[in-house]
């Protein structure tokens, strides 16, 4: 069984979120132009050889170019559904990309026991929120974040 990938806008079924050892939603901000950090996250998840479904909140084209021609409401609806059904949600905050939208998104999901946080630079608020609610510390790099979520899914 290989990793399965579902991109923004594609239909999500129970077979997708129950696939293999479970599904992983990849949350967090991205640079508005150019390649997405999610490409590295997807590769790292695939390299674990763990059968999982990766729920990707970007289209294939958007991962490379940053361009998205979808309605924002349709995008938000897909993301909310994907996050609601995912076995685990990873939040990754690349250096310099943490902002008020990041706080709102993470804050909306921080009490869910299936979330994992990673960031390149410590963020006092996100770190505090994760420790206070989940008694967890954030991953300090993307490799560690992927290892944490795969280990948790296998448990």
Protein backbone atom coordinates (compact mmCIF):
# COMPACT_ATOMS: atom_id res chain seq x y z
CA UNK A 1 0.00 0.00 0.00
CA UNK A 2 1.40 3.39 -1.00
CA UNK A 3 0.53 6.87 0.14
CA UNK A 4 -2.62 8.25 -1.40
CA UNK A 5 -2.89 11.99 -2.14
CA UNK A 6 -6.07 14.06 -2.21
CA UNK A 7 -5.65 17.65 -3.37
CA UNK A 8 -7.73 20.76 -2.72
CA UNK A 9 -11.05 20.48 -4.50
CA UNK A 10 -10.98 16.72 -5.00
CA UNK A 11 -13.76 14.65 -3.47
CA UNK A 12 -12.95 13.12 -0.07
CA UNK A 13 -14.56 9.80 0.84
CA UNK A 14 -14.45 7.60 3.94
CA UNK A 15 -12.07 5.29 2.06
CA UNK A 16 -9.68 8.26 1.86
CA UNK A 17 -9.68 9.28 5.52
CA UNK A 18 -9.64 5.62 6.70
CA UNK A 19 -6.90 4.63 4.22
CA UNK A 20 -4.03 2.51 5.58
CA UNK A 21 -2.97 3.70 9.03
CA UNK A 22 -5.04 6.88 8.64
CA UNK A 23 -5.02 10.26 6.99
CA UNK A 24 -2.88 13.35 7.53
CA UNK A 25 -4.01 16.89 6.77
CA UNK A 26 -1.09 19.27 6.13
CA UNK A 27 -1.98 22.70 7.57
CA UNK A 28 -0.05 25.93 7.79
CA UNK A 29 0.78 29.05 5.78
CA UNK A 30 2.80 29.19 2.61
CA UNK A 31 4.73 31.78 0.69
CA UNK A 32 2.31 33.27 -1.84
CA UNK A 33 4.67 32.69 -4.80
CA UNK A 34 6.67 29.69 -5.92
CA UNK A 35 6.92 26.13 -4.64
CA UNK A 36 5.11 25.12 -1.49
CA UNK A 37 6.88 23.62 1.54
CA UNK A 38 4.14 20.96 1.38
CA UNK A 39 6.07 19.27 -1.45
CA UNK A 40 8.83 18.47 1.08
CA UNK A 41 6.28 17.33 3.67
CA UNK A 42 4.59 15.02 1.15
CA UNK A 43 7.95 13.52 0.13
CA UNK A 44 8.93 12.98 3.79
CA UNK A 45 5.61 11.24 4.52
CA UNK A 46 6.00 9.06 1.42
CA UNK A 47 9.57 8.17 2.45
CA UNK A 48 8.28 6.65 5.71
CA UNK A 49 6.68 3.92 3.55
CA UNK A 50 3.62 4.17 5.79
CA UNK A 51 0.30 3.66 4.02
CA UNK A 52 -1.59 6.87 4.66
CA UNK A 53 -3.76 9.35 2.81
CA UNK A 54 -2.34 12.87 2.62
CA UNK A 55 -4.98 15.60 2.50
CA UNK A 56 -3.35 18.55 0.75
CA UNK A 57 -5.00 22.01 0.93
CA UNK A 58 -3.51 23.07 -2.40
CA UNK A 59 -4.09 21.98 -5.98
CA UNK A 60 -1.27 20.23 -7.85
CA UNK A 61 -0.62 23.43 -9.81
CA UNK A 62 -0.77 25.60 -6.70
CA UNK A 63 1.94 23.48 -5.04
CA UNK A 64 4.35 24.53 -7.78
CA UNK A 65 3.22 28.01 -8.81
CA UNK A 66 1.30 29.36 -5.83
CA UNK A 67 -1.61 30.24 -8.14
CA UNK A 68 -5.10 29.15 -7.13
CA UNK A 69 -8.18 29.95 -9.17
CA UNK A 70 -10.71 28.49 -6.71
CA UNK A 71 -13.33 30.47 -4.87
CA UNK A 72 -12.16 31.20 -1.33
CA UNK A 73 -15.43 29.89 0.11
CA UNK A 74 -15.05 26.59 -1.80
CA UNK A 75 -11.46 26.38 -0.59
CA UNK A 76 -12.48 27.02 3.04
CA UNK A 77 -15.28 24.43 2.80
CA UNK A 78 -12.90 21.77 1.45
CA UNK A 79 -10.29 22.57 4.09
CA UNK A 80 -12.82 22.41 6.92
CA UNK A 81 -14.14 19.05 5.74
CA UNK A 82 -10.63 17.64 5.29
CA UNK A 83 -9.52 18.81 8.73
CA UNK A 84 -12.69 17.44 10.32
CA UNK A 85 -12.23 13.92 8.94
CA UNK A 86 -8.42 13.62 9.04
CA UNK A 87 -6.92 11.11 11.47
CA UNK A 88 -4.21 13.67 12.27
CA UNK A 89 -3.55 17.32 11.46
CA UNK A 90 -0.03 18.65 11.21
CA UNK A 91 0.58 22.38 11.42
CA UNK A 92 3.90 23.55 10.02
CA UNK A 93 5.01 27.16 10.29
CA UNK A 94 7.99 28.01 8.07
CA UNK A 95 10.27 30.76 9.31
CA UNK A 96 8.69 34.17 9.04
CA UNK A 97 5.22 32.98 8.03
CA UNK A 98 3.43 32.93 11.37
CA UNK A 99 0.75 35.64 11.53
CA UNK A 100 -2.74 36.35 12.89
CA UNK A 101 -4.31 33.95 10.37
CA UNK A 102 -1.92 31.25 11.68
CA UNK A 103 -3.09 31.92 15.22
CA UNK A 104 -6.75 31.76 14.17
CA UNK A 105 -6.34 28.48 12.27
CA UNK A 106 -4.28 26.74 14.94
CA UNK A 107 -6.47 28.23 17.68
CA UNK A 108 -9.59 26.75 16.07
CA UNK A 109 -8.12 23.23 16.25
CA UNK A 110 -5.72 23.33 19.22
CA UNK A 111 -7.98 21.29 21.53
CA UNK A 112 -8.26 18.38 19.11
CA UNK A 113 -6.05 15.56 20.36
CA UNK A 114 -4.93 14.65 16.85
CA UNK A 115 -2.95 17.80 16.11
CA UNK A 116 0.81 18.16 15.82
CA UNK A 117 2.73 21.41 15.62
CA UNK A 118 6.10 22.17 14.11
CA UNK A 119 7.89 25.42 13.38
CA UNK A 120 11.28 26.63 12.24
CA UNK A 121 11.38 29.46 14.76
CA UNK A 122 9.84 29.33 18.26
CA UNK A 123 6.54 31.15 18.56
CA UNK A 124 5.62 32.00 22.14
CA UNK A 125 1.86 31.86 21.59
CA UNK A 126 1.67 28.66 19.53
CA UNK A 127 4.19 26.86 21.76
CA UNK A 128 2.30 27.92 24.91
CA UNK A 129 -1.08 26.91 23.47
CA UNK A 130 0.15 23.44 22.48
CA UNK A 131 1.81 22.83 25.83
CA UNK A 132 -1.18 24.14 27.81
CA UNK A 133 -3.84 22.16 25.94
CA UNK A 134 -2.02 19.04 24.74
CA UNK A 135 0.97 18.78 27.11
CA UNK A 136 3.15 18.49 24.00
CA UNK A 137 6.13 20.37 22.64
CA UNK A 138 6.34 21.39 18.99
CA UNK A 139 8.63 19.73 16.48
CA UNK A 140 11.64 21.84 15.59
CA UNK A 141 11.90 20.67 11.99
CA UNK A 142 9.74 19.04 9.33
CA UNK A 143 11.45 15.64 9.68
CA UNK A 144 10.67 15.51 13.38
CA UNK A 145 7.05 16.58 12.75
CA UNK A 146 6.53 13.79 10.21
CA UNK A 147 8.14 11.24 12.55
CA UNK A 148 5.83 12.32 15.39
CA UNK A 149 2.63 12.00 13.37
CA UNK A 150 3.57 8.66 11.76
CA UNK A 151 4.53 7.22 15.17
CA UNK A 152 1.20 8.41 16.62
CA UNK A 153 -0.81 6.94 13.71
CA UNK A 154 0.92 3.58 14.12
CA UNK A 155 0.13 3.41 17.86
